Each structure stands twice: as C-alpha cells, then as structure tokens.
Amino acid sequence: MIPFVRSPQELLNVKKLMAANGLTRSASFKLFMMVEIPTNIIRLDDFLDVGVDGVSIGSNDLTMLIMGTDRDNSEVASEFNERDLSVLWALEKIVKTCVKRDVTVSICGQAPSDYPDLVEHLVSWGVTSVSVNPDAVDHVRDTIAHAEKRLVEKNNKK
C-alpha cells in the first residue's frame, strides 16, 4: 500500500522502482494506493489509469486535509468532522469512481467505527471493505448487514 501519493507521475515512479526491485503486481501481490489527500480525489481517474488493484481511504488524514484541521490539536480539534458535507462528497466520489472502474475500495480510520450512518452511506455507494477497531466489529457488522439488506430490498422493487 502506497501512502500519500501526490501525483500520478509519483505513483508511476513508485511502480517503476518496485518493478526494478522485482516487485510486480500479480494474483498474490496486489498494489493498493492510500487515498488521503485532496489531489487523490480530484485526479482519481488519472491515478487509476496508472494502475492499482485497489485504494484504501484513510478517513482520518483525508478529513484533516479537507477540513484544514487536526483532530489531535485542542485548538482546532472541534472542527474535525468526518461527516461534514465536503468529506461525505469526497467519500462518495471515491467509492463511486472505484466501483465504476472495477477497482477495490476500502476505508480505514476512526469514522467507520464511530458512525453507523456513515457506514450505511459507504455500503450504499458500493464500498468493498471497512476496517474498524476491534471493539466496533460486532456493531459495524450488524450495520453493514442491515444496509446490504436494504439495498437488496430496494433493488428487488425495481
């Protein structure tokens, strides 16, 4: 998994460096890119064109960089909000773009552990997997099951 990729060219350079050292994508070696900075969203199709097997949304860093705040700084932590409309817009764009491009898309960070409504959105958009804290596994699993059931019911009505 490649973190903080600032440009498609940088991703290409990393892939070339990996290949020069015998690391190439295969059935047993998947290449993922973290999506955690605004340029990753703005140019997501360009990054996907370079070629990755999947992306993992880093919700903590993404929220901090979109909101211009730091959840660990008491001066501005109150502004940190993973459910802000701009963050939700970004998450939806990432997931839907990856679904359209048939690229695995997962999310990690604190948000899926804390906000069932966010998990429901992610499932409805087509997220592939959700990483959560161990103490949140049971309730997030239940949230995902209910969201998937609603999607099936909605699709059956069509």
C-alpha atoms as a PDB file:
ATOM      1  CA  MET A   1       0.000   0.000   0.000  1.00  0.00           C
ATOM      2  CA  ILE A   2       1.458   3.290  -1.126  1.00  0.00           C
ATOM      3  CA  PRO A   3       0.641   6.259   1.163  1.00  0.00           C
ATOM      4  CA  PHE A   4       0.437   9.990   0.391  1.00  0.00           C
ATOM      5  CA  VAL A   5       0.823   9.732  -3.380  1.00  0.00           C
ATOM      6  CA  ARG A   6       0.834  13.323  -4.603  1.00  0.00           C
ATOM      7  CA  SER A   7       0.600  12.818  -8.362  1.00  0.00           C
ATOM      8  CA  PRO A   8       0.010  10.096 -10.947  1.00  0.00           C
ATOM      9  CA  GLN A   9       3.640  10.556 -12.019  1.00  0.00           C
ATOM     10  CA  GLU A  10       4.787   9.861  -8.477  1.00  0.00           C
ATOM     11  CA  LEU A  11       2.703   6.665  -8.461  1.00  0.00           C
ATOM     12  CA  LEU A  12       4.255   5.661 -11.778  1.00  0.00           C
ATOM     13  CA  ASN A  13       7.735   6.321 -10.387  1.00  0.00           C
ATOM     14  CA  VAL A  14       6.984   4.155  -7.346  1.00  0.00           C
ATOM     15  CA  LYS A  15       5.739   1.365  -9.624  1.00  0.00           C
ATOM     16  CA  LYS A  16       8.932   1.590 -11.707  1.00  0.00           C
ATOM     17  CA  LEU A  17      11.052   1.455  -8.562  1.00  0.00           C
ATOM     18  CA  MET A  18       9.114  -1.568  -7.349  1.00  0.00           C
ATOM     19  CA  ALA A  19       9.485  -3.344 -10.710  1.00  0.00           C
ATOM     20  CA  ALA A  20      13.225  -2.621 -10.759  1.00  0.00           C
ATOM     21  CA  ASN A  21      13.389  -4.453  -7.444  1.00  0.00           C
ATOM     22  CA  GLY A  22      11.343  -7.446  -8.593  1.00  0.00           C
ATOM     23  CA  LEU A  23       8.005  -6.384  -7.135  1.00  0.00           C
ATOM     24  CA  THR A  24       5.248  -6.640  -9.734  1.00  0.00           C
ATOM     25  CA  ARG A  25       1.508  -6.950  -9.383  1.00  0.00           C
ATOM     26  CA  SER A  26       0.214 -10.500  -9.536  1.00  0.00           C
ATOM     27  CA  ALA A  27      -2.562 -12.669  -8.159  1.00  0.00           C
ATOM     28  CA  SER A  28      -0.621 -12.918  -4.903  1.00  0.00           C
ATOM     29  CA  PHE A  29       0.789  -9.356  -4.819  1.00  0.00           C
ATOM     30  CA  LYS A  30      -1.761  -6.570  -5.024  1.00  0.00           C
ATOM     31  CA  LEU A  31      -0.870  -2.900  -5.206  1.00  0.00           C
ATOM     32  CA  PHE A  32      -3.069  -0.503  -3.254  1.00  0.00           C
ATOM     33  CA  MET A  33      -2.876   3.260  -3.016  1.00  0.00           C
ATOM     34  CA  MET A  34      -3.993   5.212   0.022  1.00  0.00           C
ATOM     35  CA  VAL A  35      -6.490   7.948  -0.823  1.00  0.00           C
ATOM     36  CA  GLU A  36      -5.941  10.500   1.881  1.00  0.00           C
ATOM     37  CA  ILE A  37      -5.099  13.824   0.253  1.00  0.00           C
ATOM     38  CA  PRO A  38      -7.395  16.037  -1.831  1.00  0.00           C
ATOM     39  CA  THR A  39      -5.416  15.557  -5.050  1.00  0.00           C
ATOM     40  CA  ASN A  40      -6.178  11.838  -4.828  1.00  0.00           C
ATOM     41  CA  ILE A  41      -9.872  12.654  -5.180  1.00  0.00           C
ATOM     42  CA  ILE A  42      -9.537  15.419  -7.744  1.00  0.00           C
ATOM     43  CA  ARG A  43      -7.351  13.249 -10.015  1.00  0.00           C
ATOM     44  CA  LEU A  44      -8.617   9.811  -9.004  1.00  0.00           C
ATOM     45  CA  ASP A  45      -9.216   8.666 -12.581  1.00  0.00           C
ATOM     46  CA  ASP A  46      -5.663   9.677 -13.501  1.00  0.00           C
ATOM     47  CA  PHE A  47      -4.262   7.670 -10.585  1.00  0.00           C
ATOM     48  CA  LEU A  48      -6.395   4.662 -11.542  1.00  0.00           C
ATOM     49  CA  ASP A  49      -5.164   4.951 -15.140  1.00  0.00           C
ATOM     50  CA  VAL A  50      -1.603   4.404 -13.869  1.00  0.00           C
ATOM     51  CA  GLY A  51      -2.839   1.108 -12.445  1.00  0.00           C
ATOM     52  CA  VAL A  52      -3.560  -0.114  -8.952  1.00  0.00           C
ATOM     53  CA  ASP A  53      -5.556  -3.073  -7.712  1.00  0.00           C
ATOM     54  CA  GLY A  54      -7.320  -1.069  -5.066  1.00  0.00           C
ATOM     55  CA  VAL A  55      -7.479   2.019  -2.942  1.00  0.00           C
ATOM     56  CA  SER A  56      -7.840   2.430   0.776  1.00  0.00           C
ATOM     57  CA  ILE A  57      -9.418   5.629   2.007  1.00  0.00           C
ATOM     58  CA  GLY A  58      -7.589   6.994   5.036  1.00  0.00           C
ATOM     59  CA  SER A  59     -10.529   8.790   6.611  1.00  0.00           C
ATOM     60  CA  ASN A  60      -8.547  10.478   9.404  1.00  0.00           C
ATOM     61  CA  ASP A  61      -5.957  12.162   7.184  1.00  0.00           C
ATOM     62  CA  LEU A  62      -8.478  12.853   4.438  1.00  0.00           C
ATOM     63  CA  THR A  63     -10.788  14.636   6.867  1.00  0.00           C
ATOM     64  CA  MET A  64      -7.943  16.651   8.372  1.00  0.00           C
ATOM     65  CA  LEU A  65      -6.709  17.775   4.967  1.00  0.00           C
ATOM     66  CA  ILE A  66     -10.147  18.584   3.566  1.00  0.00           C
ATOM     67  CA  MET A  67     -11.241  20.409   6.711  1.00  0.00           C
ATOM     68  CA  GLY A  68      -7.884  22.073   7.368  1.00  0.00           C
ATOM     69  CA  THR A  69      -7.867  20.893  10.949  1.00  0.00           C
ATOM     70  CA  ASP A  70      -6.080  18.460  13.240  1.00  0.00           C
ATOM     71  CA  ARG A  71      -8.105  16.157  15.449  1.00  0.00           C
ATOM     72  CA  ASP A  72      -5.182  15.933  17.884  1.00  0.00           C
ATOM     73  CA  ASN A  73      -4.785  19.691  18.350  1.00  0.00           C
ATOM     74  CA  SER A  74      -7.069  21.045  21.072  1.00  0.00           C
ATOM     75  CA  GLU A  75      -7.094  24.475  19.405  1.00  0.00           C
ATOM     76  CA  VAL A  76      -8.878  23.196  16.275  1.00  0.00           C
ATOM     77  CA  ALA A  77      -9.998  19.627  17.049  1.00  0.00           C
ATOM     78  CA  SER A  78     -13.598  20.739  17.457  1.00  0.00           C
ATOM     79  CA  GLU A  79     -13.701  21.414  13.698  1.00  0.00           C
ATOM     80  CA  PHE A  80     -12.722  17.821  12.820  1.00  0.00           C
ATOM     81  CA  ASN A  81     -15.869  16.242  11.356  1.00  0.00           C
ATOM     82  CA  GLU A  82     -15.824  13.082   9.228  1.00  0.00           C
ATOM     83  CA  ARG A  83     -19.487  13.672   8.378  1.00  0.00           C
ATOM     84  CA  ASP A  84     -19.034  17.211   7.065  1.00  0.00           C
ATOM     85  CA  LEU A  85     -20.695  17.597   3.664  1.00  0.00           C
ATOM     86  CA  SER A  86     -17.350  18.136   1.934  1.00  0.00           C
ATOM     87  CA  VAL A  87     -15.925  14.933   3.416  1.00  0.00           C
ATOM     88  CA  LEU A  88     -19.073  12.977   2.518  1.00  0.00           C
ATOM     89  CA  TRP A  89     -18.875  14.339  -1.032  1.00  0.00           C
ATOM     90  CA  ALA A  90     -15.255  13.171  -1.256  1.00  0.00           C
ATOM     91  CA  LEU A  91     -16.034   9.716   0.127  1.00  0.00           C
ATOM     92  CA  GLU A  92     -18.932   9.252  -2.291  1.00  0.00           C
ATOM     93  CA  LYS A  93     -16.820  10.362  -5.256  1.00  0.00           C
ATOM     94  CA  ILE A  94     -14.014   7.968  -4.326  1.00  0.00           C
ATOM     95  CA  VAL A  95     -16.247   4.945  -3.793  1.00  0.00           C
ATOM     96  CA  LYS A  96     -18.436   5.510  -6.855  1.00  0.00           C
ATOM     97  CA  THR A  97     -15.438   6.177  -9.107  1.00  0.00           C
ATOM     98  CA  CYS A  98     -13.750   2.975  -7.955  1.00  0.00           C
ATOM     99  CA  VAL A  99     -16.945   0.956  -8.374  1.00  0.00           C
ATOM    100  CA  LYS A 100     -17.351   2.329 -11.903  1.00  0.00           C
ATOM    101  CA  ARG A 101     -13.733   1.457 -12.685  1.00  0.00           C
ATOM    102  CA  ASP A 102     -13.978  -2.008 -11.042  1.00  0.00           C
ATOM    103  CA  VAL A 103     -11.263  -1.177  -8.508  1.00  0.00           C
ATOM    104  CA  THR A 104     -11.411  -2.452  -4.936  1.00  0.00           C
ATOM    105  CA  VAL A 105     -12.151   0.356  -2.480  1.00  0.00           C
ATOM    106  CA  SER A 106     -11.834   0.076   1.274  1.00  0.00           C
ATOM    107  CA  ILE A 107     -11.853   2.556   4.132  1.00  0.00           C
ATOM    108  CA  CYS A 108      -9.821   2.685   7.314  1.00  0.00           C
ATOM    109  CA  GLY A 109      -9.701   5.196  10.112  1.00  0.00           C
ATOM    110  CA  GLN A 110     -11.867   6.031  13.080  1.00  0.00           C
ATOM    111  CA  ALA A 111     -15.022   7.095  11.212  1.00  0.00           C
ATOM    112  CA  PRO A 112     -16.432   3.645  10.329  1.00  0.00           C
ATOM    113  CA  SER A 113     -16.051   2.559  13.960  1.00  0.00           C
ATOM    114  CA  ASP A 114     -17.933   5.575  15.284  1.00  0.00           C
ATOM    115  CA  TYR A 115     -20.670   6.439  12.793  1.00  0.00           C
ATOM    116  CA  PRO A 116     -23.201   3.815  11.666  1.00  0.00           C
ATOM    117  CA  ASP A 117     -24.844   6.345   9.329  1.00  0.00           C
ATOM    118  CA  LEU A 118     -21.530   6.811   7.526  1.00  0.00           C
ATOM    119  CA  VAL A 119     -21.133   3.041   7.167  1.00  0.00           C
ATOM    120  CA  GLU A 120     -24.624   2.867   5.658  1.00  0.00           C
ATOM    121  CA  HIS A 121     -23.664   5.526   3.097  1.00  0.00           C
ATOM    122  CA  LEU A 122     -20.453   3.687   2.237  1.00  0.00           C
ATOM    123  CA  VAL A 123     -22.335   0.418   1.703  1.00  0.00           C
ATOM    124  CA  SER A 124     -24.966   2.121  -0.466  1.00  0.00           C
ATOM    125  CA  TRP A 125     -22.209   3.645  -2.616  1.00  0.00           C
ATOM    126  CA  GLY A 126     -20.509   0.245  -3.042  1.00  0.00           C
ATOM    127  CA  VAL A 127     -17.510   0.183  -0.701  1.00  0.00           C
ATOM    128  CA  THR A 128     -15.693  -3.164  -0.839  1.00  0.00           C
ATOM    129  CA  SER A 129     -14.488  -3.390   2.764  1.00  0.00           C
ATOM    130  CA  VAL A 130     -14.440  -1.466   6.006  1.00  0.00           C
ATOM    131  CA  SER A 131     -11.675  -1.562   8.601  1.00  0.00           C
ATOM    132  CA  VAL A 132     -12.762  -0.899  12.178  1.00  0.00           C
ATOM    133  CA  ASN A 133     -11.453  -1.032  15.712  1.00  0.00           C
ATOM    134  CA  PRO A 134     -11.794  -4.463  17.366  1.00  0.00           C
ATOM    135  CA  ASP A 135     -14.395  -3.203  19.850  1.00  0.00           C
ATOM    136  CA  ALA A 136     -16.591  -1.994  16.963  1.00  0.00           C
ATOM    137  CA  VAL A 137     -16.617  -5.171  14.864  1.00  0.00           C
ATOM    138  CA  ASP A 138     -19.960  -6.514  16.093  1.00  0.00           C
ATOM    139  CA  HIS A 139     -21.992  -3.323  15.737  1.00  0.00           C
ATOM    140  CA  VAL A 140     -20.394  -2.408  12.392  1.00  0.00           C
ATOM    141  CA  ARG A 141     -21.049  -5.931  11.086  1.00  0.00           C
ATOM    142  CA  ASP A 142     -24.717  -5.510  12.065  1.00  0.00           C
ATOM    143  CA  THR A 143     -24.859  -2.071  10.408  1.00  0.00           C
ATOM    144  CA  ILE A 144     -23.403  -3.478   7.191  1.00  0.00           C
ATOM    145  CA  ALA A 145     -25.813  -6.428   7.205  1.00  0.00           C
ATOM    146  CA  HIS A 146     -28.816  -4.110   7.606  1.00  0.00           C
ATOM    147  CA  ALA A 147     -27.559  -1.724   4.929  1.00  0.00           C
ATOM    148  CA  GLU A 148     -26.958  -4.587   2.487  1.00  0.00           C
ATOM    149  CA  LYS A 149     -30.426  -5.992   3.234  1.00  0.00           C
ATOM    150  CA  ARG A 150     -31.993  -2.594   2.457  1.00  0.00           C
ATOM    151  CA  LEU A 151     -30.057  -2.449  -0.824  1.00  0.00           C
ATOM    152  CA  VAL A 152     -31.309  -5.876  -1.842  1.00  0.00           C
ATOM    153  CA  GLU A 153     -34.895  -4.935  -0.968  1.00  0.00           C
ATOM    154  CA  LYS A 154     -34.555  -1.660  -2.888  1.00  0.00           C
ATOM    155  CA  ASN A 155     -33.148  -3.459  -5.938  1.00  0.00           C
ATOM    156  CA  ASN A 156     -35.896  -6.096  -5.804  1.00  0.00           C
ATOM    157  CA  LYS A 157     -38.528  -3.345  -6.005  1.00  0.00           C
ATOM    158  CA  LYS A 158     -37.096  -2.071  -9.278  1.00  0.00           C
END
